[in-house]
Amino acid sequence: MKTIGHIRKSTKTPPFVLRAERALRRAARNVEMQSRALKLPVVVWQNGKVVEKPA
């Protein structure tokens, strides 16, 4: 059985992943700002439970 060669894995993060992460952070920041403006709690998943964080 012959080996075809060495398979290299790239350690560089693909650009679409960086854009998706940035968009998710921006959306989370917007939700936080809106909830503070309306004085509503933010519901998050923390340690396997659903938790309300005060505004």
N, C-alpha and C. Protein backbone atom coordinates (compact mmCIF):
# COMPACT_ATOMS: atom_id res chain seq x y z
N MET A 1 0.84 -1.17 0.00
CA MET A 1 0.00 0.00 0.00
C MET A 1 0.89 1.24 0.00
N LYS A 2 0.67 2.12 -0.95
CA LYS A 2 1.48 3.32 -1.08
C LYS A 2 0.79 4.50 -0.38
N THR A 3 1.60 5.34 0.16
CA THR A 3 1.05 6.58 0.70
C THR A 3 1.19 7.65 -0.37
N ILE A 4 0.17 8.43 -0.51
CA ILE A 4 0.14 9.44 -1.56
C ILE A 4 0.93 10.67 -1.17
N GLY A 5 1.10 10.89 0.07
CA GLY A 5 1.87 12.06 0.48
C GLY A 5 1.44 12.56 1.83
N HIS A 6 1.90 13.71 2.10
CA HIS A 6 1.65 14.34 3.39
C HIS A 6 0.45 15.28 3.27
N ILE A 7 -0.55 15.10 4.10
CA ILE A 7 -1.71 15.99 4.08
C ILE A 7 -1.47 17.10 5.11
N ARG A 8 -1.52 18.35 4.63
CA ARG A 8 -1.31 19.49 5.51
C ARG A 8 -2.65 20.12 5.84
N LYS A 9 -2.80 20.46 7.09
CA LYS A 9 -3.99 21.20 7.49
C LYS A 9 -3.61 22.65 7.69
N SER A 10 -4.40 23.50 7.14
CA SER A 10 -4.15 24.93 7.27
C SER A 10 -4.61 25.40 8.65
N THR A 11 -3.79 26.18 9.31
CA THR A 11 -4.16 26.71 10.62
C THR A 11 -4.81 28.09 10.49
N LYS A 12 -4.79 28.66 9.30
CA LYS A 12 -5.39 29.97 9.09
C LYS A 12 -6.91 29.84 9.03
N THR A 13 -7.59 30.71 9.77
CA THR A 13 -9.05 30.70 9.78
C THR A 13 -9.57 31.27 8.47
N PRO A 14 -10.53 30.57 7.83
CA PRO A 14 -11.09 31.07 6.57
C PRO A 14 -11.78 32.43 6.77
N PRO A 15 -11.74 33.27 5.76
CA PRO A 15 -12.33 34.61 5.88
C PRO A 15 -13.83 34.60 6.20
N PHE A 16 -14.58 33.63 5.67
CA PHE A 16 -16.02 33.61 5.93
C PHE A 16 -16.31 33.32 7.40
N VAL A 17 -15.44 32.58 8.06
CA VAL A 17 -15.62 32.30 9.49
C VAL A 17 -15.39 33.58 10.29
N LEU A 18 -14.39 34.34 9.92
CA LEU A 18 -14.12 35.61 10.61
C LEU A 18 -15.29 36.57 10.45
N ARG A 19 -15.86 36.64 9.24
CA ARG A 19 -17.01 37.52 8.99
C ARG A 19 -18.21 37.07 9.80
N ALA A 20 -18.44 35.77 9.89
CA ALA A 20 -19.58 35.24 10.64
C ALA A 20 -19.42 35.54 12.13
N GLU A 21 -18.22 35.37 12.66
CA GLU A 21 -17.98 35.67 14.07
C GLU A 21 -18.20 37.15 14.37
N ARG A 22 -17.71 38.00 13.47
CA ARG A 22 -17.87 39.44 13.65
C ARG A 22 -19.35 39.82 13.62
N ALA A 23 -20.13 39.22 12.71
CA ALA A 23 -21.55 39.50 12.61
C ALA A 23 -22.29 39.05 13.87
N LEU A 24 -21.91 37.90 14.40
CA LEU A 24 -22.55 37.39 15.62
C LEU A 24 -22.25 38.29 16.81
N ARG A 25 -21.00 38.75 16.93
CA ARG A 25 -20.65 39.67 18.02
C ARG A 25 -21.42 40.98 17.90
N ARG A 26 -21.53 41.47 16.67
CA ARG A 26 -22.25 42.74 16.44
C ARG A 26 -23.73 42.59 16.79
N ALA A 27 -24.33 41.46 16.41
CA ALA A 27 -25.75 41.22 16.72
C ALA A 27 -25.95 41.13 18.23
N ALA A 28 -25.05 40.46 18.93
CA ALA A 28 -25.17 40.34 20.39
C ALA A 28 -25.06 41.70 21.05
N ARG A 29 -24.14 42.51 20.55
CA ARG A 29 -23.97 43.86 21.10
C ARG A 29 -25.24 44.69 20.87
N ASN A 30 -25.85 44.57 19.70
CA ASN A 30 -27.08 45.31 19.41
C ASN A 30 -28.23 44.87 20.32
N VAL A 31 -28.35 43.57 20.55
CA VAL A 31 -29.40 43.06 21.44
C VAL A 31 -29.19 43.60 22.85
N GLU A 32 -27.95 43.61 23.31
CA GLU A 32 -27.66 44.12 24.65
C GLU A 32 -28.02 45.60 24.76
N MET A 33 -27.68 46.39 23.75
CA MET A 33 -27.99 47.82 23.78
C MET A 33 -29.50 48.06 23.75
N GLN A 34 -30.23 47.29 22.94
CA GLN A 34 -31.68 47.44 22.86
C GLN A 34 -32.35 47.05 24.18
N SER A 35 -31.87 45.97 24.79
CA SER A 35 -32.49 45.54 26.05
C SER A 35 -32.23 46.56 27.15
N ARG A 36 -31.06 47.17 27.14
CA ARG A 36 -30.78 48.22 28.14
C ARG A 36 -31.68 49.43 27.91
N ALA A 37 -31.88 49.80 26.64
CA ALA A 37 -32.71 50.96 26.33
C ALA A 37 -34.16 50.72 26.75
N LEU A 38 -34.64 49.48 26.61
CA LEU A 38 -36.02 49.15 26.96
C LEU A 38 -36.15 48.63 28.39
N LYS A 39 -35.02 48.53 29.09
CA LYS A 39 -34.96 48.02 30.47
C LYS A 39 -35.57 46.63 30.58
N LEU A 40 -35.20 45.77 29.65
CA LEU A 40 -35.65 44.38 29.65
C LEU A 40 -34.47 43.47 29.94
N PRO A 41 -34.70 42.32 30.59
CA PRO A 41 -33.60 41.40 30.83
C PRO A 41 -33.20 40.67 29.55
N VAL A 42 -31.95 40.23 29.50
CA VAL A 42 -31.46 39.43 28.38
C VAL A 42 -31.45 37.98 28.85
N VAL A 43 -32.03 37.09 28.05
CA VAL A 43 -32.08 35.67 28.39
C VAL A 43 -30.92 34.98 27.69
N VAL A 44 -30.07 34.30 28.48
CA VAL A 44 -28.88 33.63 27.94
C VAL A 44 -28.80 32.21 28.46
N TRP A 45 -27.99 31.41 27.79
CA TRP A 45 -27.71 30.04 28.21
C TRP A 45 -26.40 30.07 28.97
N GLN A 46 -26.42 29.64 30.25
CA GLN A 46 -25.22 29.72 31.08
C GLN A 46 -25.13 28.48 31.97
N ASN A 47 -24.04 27.75 31.86
CA ASN A 47 -23.81 26.55 32.66
C ASN A 47 -24.94 25.54 32.53
N GLY A 48 -25.46 25.38 31.32
CA GLY A 48 -26.50 24.39 31.07
C GLY A 48 -27.88 24.81 31.49
N LYS A 49 -28.05 26.08 31.84
CA LYS A 49 -29.36 26.57 32.28
C LYS A 49 -29.68 27.87 31.56
N VAL A 50 -30.98 28.16 31.47
CA VAL A 50 -31.43 29.43 30.92
C VAL A 50 -31.46 30.44 32.06
N VAL A 51 -30.80 31.59 31.86
CA VAL A 51 -30.67 32.60 32.91
C VAL A 51 -31.08 33.95 32.36
N GLU A 52 -31.82 34.71 33.16
CA GLU A 52 -32.16 36.10 32.80
C GLU A 52 -31.13 37.01 33.41
N LYS A 53 -30.51 37.82 32.57
CA LYS A 53 -29.55 38.81 33.07
C LYS A 53 -30.26 40.17 33.07
N PRO A 54 -30.22 40.88 34.20
CA PRO A 54 -30.91 42.16 34.27
C PRO A 54 -30.30 43.19 33.31
N ALA A 55 -31.15 44.14 32.92
CA ALA A 55 -30.70 45.18 31.98
C ALA A 55 -29.71 46.12 32.62
